[in-house]
C-alpha atoms as a PDB file:
ATOM      1  CA  MET A   1     150.672 118.657 193.388  1.00  0.00           C
ATOM      2  CA  ASN A   2     153.506 118.396 191.758  1.00  0.00           C
ATOM      3  CA  GLY A   3     155.826 117.279 193.930  1.00  0.00           C
ATOM      4  CA  ASP A   4     158.583 119.253 195.732  1.00  0.00           C
ATOM      5  CA  VAL A   5     162.525 119.207 196.257  1.00  0.00           C
ATOM      6  CA  ARG A   6     163.846 118.484 200.138  1.00  0.00           C
ATOM      7  CA  LEU A   7     166.708 119.939 201.894  1.00  0.00           C
ATOM      8  CA  ILE A   8     167.947 117.045 204.896  1.00  0.00           C
ATOM      9  CA  ILE A   9     171.186 118.799 206.250  1.00  0.00           C
ATOM     10  CA  ARG A  10     172.618 115.611 209.135  1.00  0.00           C
ATOM     11  CA  ASP A  11     176.766 115.289 209.552  1.00  0.00           C
ATOM     12  CA  GLY A  12     178.484 118.213 207.618  1.00  0.00           C
ATOM     13  CA  VAL A  13     175.798 117.118 204.924  1.00  0.00           C
ATOM     14  CA  ALA A  14     172.991 118.401 202.741  1.00  0.00           C
ATOM     15  CA  GLU A  15     171.057 115.684 201.417  1.00  0.00           C
ATOM     16  CA  LEU A  16     169.227 116.883 198.417  1.00  0.00           C
ATOM     17  CA  VAL A  17     165.850 114.868 197.676  1.00  0.00           C
ATOM     18  CA  LEU A  18     163.909 115.132 194.398  1.00  0.00           C
ATOM     19  CA  ASP A  19     160.143 113.917 195.287  1.00  0.00           C
ATOM     20  CA  ARG A  20     157.757 113.357 192.520  1.00  0.00           C
ATOM     21  CA  PRO A  21     158.029 109.289 192.586  1.00  0.00           C
ATOM     22  CA  ALA A  22     155.036 109.556 190.493  1.00  0.00           C
ATOM     23  CA  LYS A  23     156.496 111.066 187.633  1.00  0.00           C
ATOM     24  CA  HIS A  24     159.986 109.959 188.314  1.00  0.00           C
ATOM     25  CA  ASN A  25     160.786 112.952 189.511  1.00  0.00           C
ATOM     26  CA  ALA A  26     160.495 115.101 186.512  1.00  0.00           C
ATOM     27  CA  VAL A  27     161.361 118.798 187.326  1.00  0.00           C
ATOM     28  CA  THR A  28     158.501 121.259 186.801  1.00  0.00           C
ATOM     29  CA  PRO A  29     159.721 124.760 186.718  1.00  0.00           C
ATOM     30  CA  GLU A  30     158.239 125.322 190.512  1.00  0.00           C
ATOM     31  CA  MET A  31     160.858 122.371 191.306  1.00  0.00           C
ATOM     32  CA  ALA A  32     164.278 123.886 189.677  1.00  0.00           C
ATOM     33  CA  SER A  33     163.048 127.512 191.439  1.00  0.00           C
ATOM     34  CA  ARG A  34     162.982 125.101 194.593  1.00  0.00           C
ATOM     35  CA  LEU A  35     166.353 123.206 193.887  1.00  0.00           C
ATOM     36  CA  ARG A  36     168.083 126.742 192.961  1.00  0.00           C
ATOM     37  CA  GLU A  37     167.193 128.288 196.431  1.00  0.00           C
ATOM     38  CA  HIS A  38     168.461 125.096 198.148  1.00  0.00           C
ATOM     39  CA  ALA A  39     171.600 124.691 196.176  1.00  0.00           C
ATOM     40  CA  LEU A  40     172.235 128.600 196.885  1.00  0.00           C
ATOM     41  CA  ALA A  41     170.999 127.800 201.013  1.00  0.00           C
ATOM     42  CA  VAL A  42     173.880 124.593 200.555  1.00  0.00           C
ATOM     43  CA  ASP A  43     176.722 126.503 199.600  1.00  0.00           C
ATOM     44  CA  THR A  44     176.326 129.367 202.402  1.00  0.00           C
ATOM     45  CA  ASN A  45     176.135 127.161 205.102  1.00  0.00           C
ATOM     46  CA  ASP A  46     179.157 126.507 206.768  1.00  0.00           C
ATOM     47  CA  ASP A  47     177.292 123.397 208.850  1.00  0.00           C
ATOM     48  CA  VAL A  48     177.170 121.657 204.898  1.00  0.00           C
ATOM     49  CA  ARG A  49     180.210 120.214 203.765  1.00  0.00           C
ATOM     50  CA  ALA A  50     179.351 117.272 201.323  1.00  0.00           C
ATOM     51  CA  VAL A  51     176.037 117.163 199.256  1.00  0.00           C
ATOM     52  CA  LEU A  52     174.398 114.097 198.335  1.00  0.00           C
ATOM     53  CA  LEU A  53     171.763 114.365 195.745  1.00  0.00           C
ATOM     54  CA  ARG A  54     169.287 111.808 195.289  1.00  0.00           C
ATOM     55  CA  GLY A  55     165.833 111.248 193.861  1.00  0.00           C
ATOM     56  CA  GLU A  56     162.742 109.460 195.950  1.00  0.00           C
ATOM     57  CA  GLY A  57     161.717 106.130 194.757  1.00  0.00           C
ATOM     58  CA  GLU A  58     163.839 103.254 193.024  1.00  0.00           C
ATOM     59  CA  ARG A  59     162.038 103.936 189.551  1.00  0.00           C
ATOM     60  CA  ALA A  60     163.923 107.097 189.040  1.00  0.00           C
ATOM     61  CA  PHE A  61     166.783 109.050 189.937  1.00  0.00           C
ATOM     62  CA  CYS A  62     164.981 112.099 187.484  1.00  0.00           C
ATOM     63  CA  ALA A  63     163.523 111.699 184.411  1.00  0.00           C
ATOM     64  CA  GLY A  64     164.786 115.232 183.102  1.00  0.00           C
ATOM     65  CA  SER A  65     162.266 117.709 182.608  1.00  0.00           C
ATOM     66  CA  ASP A  66     158.456 117.242 182.560  1.00  0.00           C
ATOM     67  CA  LEU A  67     157.694 117.748 178.920  1.00  0.00           C
ATOM     68  CA  ASN A  68     153.835 119.028 179.863  1.00  0.00           C
ATOM     69  CA  ALA A  69     155.522 121.935 181.560  1.00  0.00           C
ATOM     70  CA  LEU A  70     158.327 122.643 178.652  1.00  0.00           C
ATOM     71  CA  ALA A  71     155.098 122.756 176.444  1.00  0.00           C
ATOM     72  CA  ALA A  72     153.749 125.454 178.423  1.00  0.00           C
ATOM     73  CA  TYR A  73     156.547 128.481 178.615  1.00  0.00           C
ATOM     74  CA  PRO A  74     154.450 131.153 176.178  1.00  0.00           C
ATOM     75  CA  SER A  75     157.276 131.409 174.470  1.00  0.00           C
ATOM     76  CA  ALA A  76     160.918 130.691 173.574  1.00  0.00           C
ATOM     77  CA  TRP A  77     161.734 133.952 174.746  1.00  0.00           C
ATOM     78  CA  HIS A  78     160.680 132.949 178.478  1.00  0.00           C
ATOM     79  CA  PHE A  79     162.329 129.922 178.146  1.00  0.00           C
ATOM     80  CA  ARG A  80     165.246 131.070 177.507  1.00  0.00           C
ATOM     81  CA  ASN A  81     164.787 132.612 181.156  1.00  0.00           C
ATOM     82  CA  ARG A  82     163.887 129.645 182.689  1.00  0.00           C
ATOM     83  CA  VAL A  83     165.365 128.003 186.003  1.00  0.00           C
ATOM     84  CA  GLU A  84     168.523 125.615 184.447  1.00  0.00           C
ATOM     85  CA  TYR A  85     168.492 123.552 187.307  1.00  0.00           C
ATOM     86  CA  ALA A  86     171.422 121.140 186.428  1.00  0.00           C
ATOM     87  CA  THR A  87     172.902 124.693 186.339  1.00  0.00           C
ATOM     88  CA  ALA A  88     172.412 125.218 189.788  1.00  0.00           C
ATOM     89  CA  VAL A  89     173.958 122.154 190.929  1.00  0.00           C
ATOM     90  CA  ARG A  90     176.861 122.933 188.925  1.00  0.00           C
ATOM     91  CA  ASN A  91     176.695 125.631 190.580  1.00  0.00           C
ATOM     92  CA  ILE A  92     177.218 124.134 194.783  1.00  0.00           C
ATOM     93  CA  ARG A  93     181.196 124.940 195.336  1.00  0.00           C
ATOM     94  CA  LYS A  94     181.130 122.033 197.537  1.00  0.00           C
ATOM     95  CA  PRO A  95     181.514 118.227 196.541  1.00  0.00           C
ATOM     96  CA  ILE A  96     178.493 116.690 195.593  1.00  0.00           C
ATOM     97  CA  VAL A  97     177.872 112.728 195.436  1.00  0.00           C
ATOM     98  CA  ALA A  98     174.945 111.908 193.201  1.00  0.00           C
ATOM     99  CA  ALA A  99     172.749 108.276 193.784  1.00  0.00           C
ATOM    100  CA  LEU A 100     171.551 107.302 190.946  1.00  0.00           C
ATOM    101  CA  GLN A 101     168.998 104.159 190.054  1.00  0.00           C
ATOM    102  CA  GLY A 102     166.632 103.519 187.799  1.00  0.00           C
ATOM    103  CA  TRP A 103     165.692 106.074 184.416  1.00  0.00           C
ATOM    104  CA  THR A 104     168.714 108.902 184.734  1.00  0.00           C
ATOM    105  CA  LEU A 105     167.169 110.392 181.671  1.00  0.00           C
ATOM    106  CA  GLY A 106     167.755 114.001 179.837  1.00  0.00           C
ATOM    107  CA  GLY A 107     168.501 117.216 182.770  1.00  0.00           C
ATOM    108  CA  GLY A 108     168.527 114.128 185.201  1.00  0.00           C
ATOM    109  CA  ALA A 109     170.771 112.866 183.738  1.00  0.00           C
ATOM    110  CA  GLU A 110     172.683 116.428 182.906  1.00  0.00           C
ATOM    111  CA  THR A 111     171.941 116.923 186.421  1.00  0.00           C
ATOM    112  CA  ALA A 112     173.614 113.926 187.714  1.00  0.00           C
ATOM    113  CA  LEU A 113     176.850 115.794 185.565  1.00  0.00           C
ATOM    114  CA  SER A 114     176.957 118.481 187.565  1.00  0.00           C
ATOM    115  CA  ALA A 115     177.760 116.523 190.681  1.00  0.00           C
ATOM    116  CA  ASP A 116     181.625 115.877 191.187  1.00  0.00           C
ATOM    117  CA  LEU A 117     181.087 111.610 192.259  1.00  0.00           C
ATOM    118  CA  ARG A 118     178.031 109.545 190.632  1.00  0.00           C
ATOM    119  CA  VAL A 119     177.476 105.854 192.304  1.00  0.00           C
ATOM    120  CA  ALA A 120     174.606 104.503 190.267  1.00  0.00           C
ATOM    121  CA  SER A 121     172.282 101.440 191.345  1.00  0.00           C
ATOM    122  CA  GLU A 122     172.741  98.484 188.842  1.00  0.00           C
ATOM    123  CA  THR A 123     168.857  99.237 187.606  1.00  0.00           C
ATOM    124  CA  MET A 124     170.202 102.215 186.654  1.00  0.00           C
ATOM    125  CA  ARG A 125     169.432 103.329 182.908  1.00  0.00           C
ATOM    126  CA  LEU A 126     170.995 107.124 181.752  1.00  0.00           C
ATOM    127  CA  GLY A 127     170.122 108.563 178.520  1.00  0.00           C
ATOM    128  CA  PHE A 128     170.216 111.698 176.555  1.00  0.00           C
ATOM    129  CA  PRO A 129     166.747 111.011 174.370  1.00  0.00           C
ATOM    130  CA  GLU A 130     166.145 115.307 173.797  1.00  0.00           C
ATOM    131  CA  VAL A 131     167.496 114.494 170.222  1.00  0.00           C
ATOM    132  CA  GLN A 132     164.456 112.468 169.428  1.00  0.00           C
ATOM    133  CA  ARG A 133     161.711 114.862 170.662  1.00  0.00           C
ATOM    134  CA  GLY A 134     163.479 117.390 168.604  1.00  0.00           C
ATOM    135  CA  TRP A 135     165.765 119.480 170.482  1.00  0.00           C
ATOM    136  CA  VAL A 136     169.211 119.693 172.330  1.00  0.00           C
ATOM    137  CA  GLY A 137     169.463 119.622 175.978  1.00  0.00           C
ATOM    138  CA  GLY A 138     169.880 122.509 177.179  1.00  0.00           C
ATOM    139  CA  GLY A 139     171.224 121.729 181.056  1.00  0.00           C
ATOM    140  CA  GLY A 140     175.200 120.867 180.004  1.00  0.00           C
ATOM    141  CA  ALA A 141     175.019 117.900 178.607  1.00  0.00           C
ATOM    142  CA  SER A 142     177.348 118.441 174.502  1.00  0.00           C
ATOM    143  CA  GLN A 143     180.085 120.009 176.930  1.00  0.00           C
ATOM    144  CA  LEU A 144     180.229 117.520 179.876  1.00  0.00           C
ATOM    145  CA  LEU A 145     180.364 114.602 177.961  1.00  0.00           C
ATOM    146  CA  PRO A 146     182.403 115.231 175.877  1.00  0.00           C
ATOM    147  CA  ARG A 147     184.875 116.145 178.217  1.00  0.00           C
ATOM    148  CA  LEU A 148     184.494 113.195 179.993  1.00  0.00           C
ATOM    149  CA  ILE A 149     184.324 110.269 178.346  1.00  0.00           C
ATOM    150  CA  GLY A 150     185.620 111.530 174.562  1.00  0.00           C
ATOM    151  CA  PRO A 151     183.484 113.160 171.771  1.00  0.00           C
ATOM    152  CA  GLY A 152     183.283 109.661 170.146  1.00  0.00           C
ATOM    153  CA  GLN A 153     181.134 107.694 172.492  1.00  0.00           C
ATOM    154  CA  SER A 154     179.618 111.624 173.430  1.00  0.00           C
ATOM    155  CA  ALA A 155     178.406 111.305 169.553  1.00  0.00           C
ATOM    156  CA  ARG A 156     177.015 107.948 170.071  1.00  0.00           C
ATOM    157  CA  LEU A 157     174.269 108.824 173.346  1.00  0.00           C
ATOM    158  CA  LEU A 158     174.274 112.471 172.196  1.00  0.00           C
ATOM    159  CA  MET A 159     173.182 111.965 168.433  1.00  0.00           C
ATOM    160  CA  LEU A 160     171.453 108.803 168.686  1.00  0.00           C
ATOM    161  CA  GLY A 161     169.724 109.220 172.568  1.00  0.00           C
ATOM    162  CA  ASP A 162     169.137 105.549 173.118  1.00  0.00           C
ATOM    163  CA  PRO A 163     170.047 104.781 177.337  1.00  0.00           C
ATOM    164  CA  ILE A 164     172.693 102.670 178.563  1.00  0.00           C
ATOM    165  CA  GLY A 165     172.834 100.254 181.728  1.00  0.00           C
ATOM    166  CA  ALA A 166     175.090 100.971 184.610  1.00  0.00           C
ATOM    167  CA  ALA A 167     177.662  98.281 183.894  1.00  0.00           C
ATOM    168  CA  GLU A 168     178.166  99.762 180.357  1.00  0.00           C
ATOM    169  CA  ALA A 169     178.087 103.684 182.616  1.00  0.00           C
ATOM    170  CA  LEU A 170     180.868 102.003 184.641  1.00  0.00           C
ATOM    171  CA  ARG A 171     183.175 101.022 181.114  1.00  0.00           C
ATOM    172  CA  LEU A 172     182.282 104.748 179.675  1.00  0.00           C
ATOM    173  CA  GLY A 173     184.019 106.581 182.943  1.00  0.00           C
ATOM    174  CA  ILE A 174     180.541 108.296 183.215  1.00  0.00           C
ATOM    175  CA  VAL A 175     179.476 106.636 186.924  1.00  0.00           C
ATOM    176  CA  GLU A 176     182.051 105.925 189.412  1.00  0.00           C
ATOM    177  CA  GLU A 177     180.667 102.897 190.798  1.00  0.00           C
ATOM    178  CA  VAL A 178     177.710 100.301 190.395  1.00  0.00           C
ATOM    179  CA  VAL A 179     176.475  98.505 193.524  1.00  0.00           C
ATOM    180  CA  PRO A 180     173.065  96.791 194.256  1.00  0.00           C
ATOM    181  CA  GLN A 181     170.038  98.805 194.308  1.00  0.00           C
ATOM    182  CA  THR A 182     169.784  97.864 198.206  1.00  0.00           C
ATOM    183  CA  ALA A 183     173.041  99.286 198.701  1.00  0.00           C
ATOM    184  CA  LEU A 184     173.204 102.239 196.826  1.00  0.00           C
ATOM    185  CA  LEU A 185     172.021 104.892 199.433  1.00  0.00           C
ATOM    186  CA  GLU A 186     174.324 103.222 202.422  1.00  0.00           C
ATOM    187  CA  ARG A 187     177.777 103.334 199.399  1.00  0.00           C
ATOM    188  CA  ALA A 188     176.411 106.983 198.516  1.00  0.00           C
ATOM    189  CA  TRP A 189     176.257 107.744 202.500  1.00  0.00           C
ATOM    190  CA  GLU A 190     179.867 107.130 203.849  1.00  0.00           C
ATOM    191  CA  ILE A 191     180.824 108.283 200.496  1.00  0.00           C
ATOM    192  CA  ALA A 192     179.222 112.019 201.136  1.00  0.00           C
ATOM    193  CA  ARG A 193     180.306 111.761 205.294  1.00  0.00           C
ATOM    194  CA  LYS A 194     183.538 110.994 204.158  1.00  0.00           C
ATOM    195  CA  LEU A 195     183.955 113.855 202.539  1.00  0.00           C
ATOM    196  CA  ALA A 196     182.596 115.440 204.902  1.00  0.00           C
ATOM    197  CA  ALA A 197     185.413 114.628 207.615  1.00  0.00           C
ATOM    198  CA  LEU A 198     187.630 116.123 205.232  1.00  0.00           C
ATOM    199  CA  SER A 199     189.334 119.700 205.001  1.00  0.00           C
ATOM    200  CA  PRO A 200     186.814 121.976 203.543  1.00  0.00           C
ATOM    201  CA  VAL A 201     188.940 124.165 202.320  1.00  0.00           C
ATOM    202  CA  ALA A 202     190.704 121.410 200.888  1.00  0.00           C
ATOM    203  CA  VAL A 203     187.908 119.545 199.484  1.00  0.00           C
ATOM    204  CA  GLN A 204     187.020 122.751 197.598  1.00  0.00           C
ATOM    205  CA  SER A 205     190.060 123.877 196.184  1.00  0.00           C
ATOM    206  CA  VAL A 206     190.311 120.530 194.891  1.00  0.00           C
ATOM    207  CA  LYS A 207     186.725 120.587 193.053  1.00  0.00           C
ATOM    208  CA  ALA A 208     188.295 124.473 191.867  1.00  0.00           C
ATOM    209  CA  ALA A 209     191.699 123.472 190.008  1.00  0.00           C
ATOM    210  CA  MET A 210     189.471 120.401 188.859  1.00  0.00           C
ATOM    211  CA  ARG A 211     186.971 122.664 186.975  1.00  0.00           C
ATOM    212  CA  MET A 212     189.961 124.744 186.152  1.00  0.00           C
ATOM    213  CA  ALA A 213     190.877 122.525 183.999  1.00  0.00           C
ATOM    214  CA  LEU A 214     188.196 121.815 182.112  1.00  0.00           C
ATOM    215  CA  GLU A 215     188.293 124.737 180.738  1.00  0.00           C
ATOM    216  CA  ALA A 216     192.238 127.217 180.789  1.00  0.00           C
ATOM    217  CA  PRO A 217     195.640 125.739 179.288  1.00  0.00           C
ATOM    218  CA  LEU A 218     198.112 123.473 181.245  1.00  0.00           C
ATOM    219  CA  SER A 219     200.036 126.341 182.407  1.00  0.00           C
ATOM    220  CA  ALA A 220     197.520 128.336 183.554  1.00  0.00           C
ATOM    221  CA  GLY A 221     195.970 125.187 185.490  1.00  0.00           C
ATOM    222  CA  LEU A 222     199.139 123.948 186.797  1.00  0.00           C
ATOM    223  CA  ALA A 223     199.341 127.981 188.526  1.00  0.00           C
ATOM    224  CA  TYR A 224     195.913 127.788 189.382  1.00  0.00           C
ATOM    225  CA  GLU A 225     196.280 124.236 191.687  1.00  0.00           C
ATOM    226  CA  ASN A 226     199.333 126.336 193.304  1.00  0.00           C
ATOM    227  CA  GLU A 227     197.406 128.761 194.480  1.00  0.00           C
ATOM    228  CA  MET A 228     194.812 127.186 195.520  1.00  0.00           C
ATOM    229  CA  ASN A 229     198.100 124.715 197.083  1.00  0.00           C
ATOM    230  CA  VAL A 230     198.984 128.067 199.297  1.00  0.00           C
ATOM    231  CA  LEU A 231     195.049 129.054 199.906  1.00  0.00           C
ATOM    232  CA  CYS A 232     195.348 125.690 202.376  1.00  0.00           C
ATOM    233  CA  PHE A 233     198.010 126.532 203.766  1.00  0.00           C
ATOM    234  CA  SER A 234     196.797 129.187 204.537  1.00  0.00           C
ATOM    235  CA  ALA A 235     193.494 128.493 205.860  1.00  0.00           C
ATOM    236  CA  GLY A 236     195.776 126.046 208.517  1.00  0.00           C
ATOM    237  CA  ASP A 237     194.065 122.997 208.133  1.00  0.00           C
ATOM    238  CA  HIS A 238     196.870 121.511 206.984  1.00  0.00           C
ATOM    239  CA  LEU A 239     198.611 121.812 211.256  1.00  0.00           C
ATOM    240  CA  GLU A 240     195.690 119.675 212.129  1.00  0.00           C
ATOM    241  CA  GLY A 241     196.934 117.301 209.149  1.00  0.00           C
ATOM    242  CA  ILE A 242     200.611 117.214 209.966  1.00  0.00           C
ATOM    243  CA  ARG A 243     199.796 116.878 214.354  1.00  0.00           C
ATOM    244  CA  ALA A 244     196.672 114.021 213.305  1.00  0.00           C
ATOM    245  CA  PHE A 245     199.488 111.921 211.449  1.00  0.00           C
ATOM    246  CA  ASN A 246     202.394 112.842 214.394  1.00  0.00           C
ATOM    247  CA  GLU A 247     199.483 111.422 216.692  1.00  0.00           C
ATOM    248  CA  LYS A 248     198.597 108.295 214.617  1.00  0.00           C
ATOM    249  CA  ARG A 249     194.734 109.377 214.828  1.00  0.00           C
ATOM    250  CA  PRO A 250     192.167 110.252 212.311  1.00  0.00           C
ATOM    251  CA  ALA A 251     192.005 114.566 211.847  1.00  0.00           C
ATOM    252  CA  GLU A 252     189.663 116.798 213.089  1.00  0.00           C
ATOM    253  CA  PHE A 253     188.647 119.947 210.988  1.00  0.00           C
ATOM    254  CA  ALA A 254     186.578 122.286 212.678  1.00  0.00           C
ATOM    255  CA  ARG A 255     184.637 123.854 210.282  1.00  0.00           C
END
């Protein structure tokens, strides 16, 4: 059995679970296809307002692509047309919280970078070892990491391939929080539920505007932000926000 990817929806949160703990949740082509299917389903399901991404077991979030599966592609052309699972996660428009523990390597680390918020346990070991195996990652690390932490530290991690611990990942700004292993899922769920309670139009607009900031010049980014602001007002959720403020209660957004 190659393992699987599970999807559980509750409380407005889609929990995506890489479920191959005996192999450190290493991703096979079948798992990549299943993850893409779930990602597309999550993105179009109005009942889902946030995503929690995690790996099964305590030894790993995801050790990247299954190396034996990589060696089984019949040609470079077939490999080029593979399902790129980190990209599938990155294409989800809804906010994503990644809960990271143990080994978070290669494509697993790229999948973590594709989330919006990353909570790590003290056990996390994050790295990009592809260069030590003779290739460069294809899931976005060389583009996402420099934008996140700058070119110098990115060069150290990507060109040497040595893993770092949770404390250093926090210092560099790769993860947003570090918690004890026993508190990891509780904290990740707390953040995901909080995101799910907010206006989906507002949260997804913020995400879209921040993505634009990584690609557009400042003038275009500022104009795009204003359009997102107008979109939020046209959706009408601001009226509930104002009512809740005046009535001194939490806002309840219907979507």
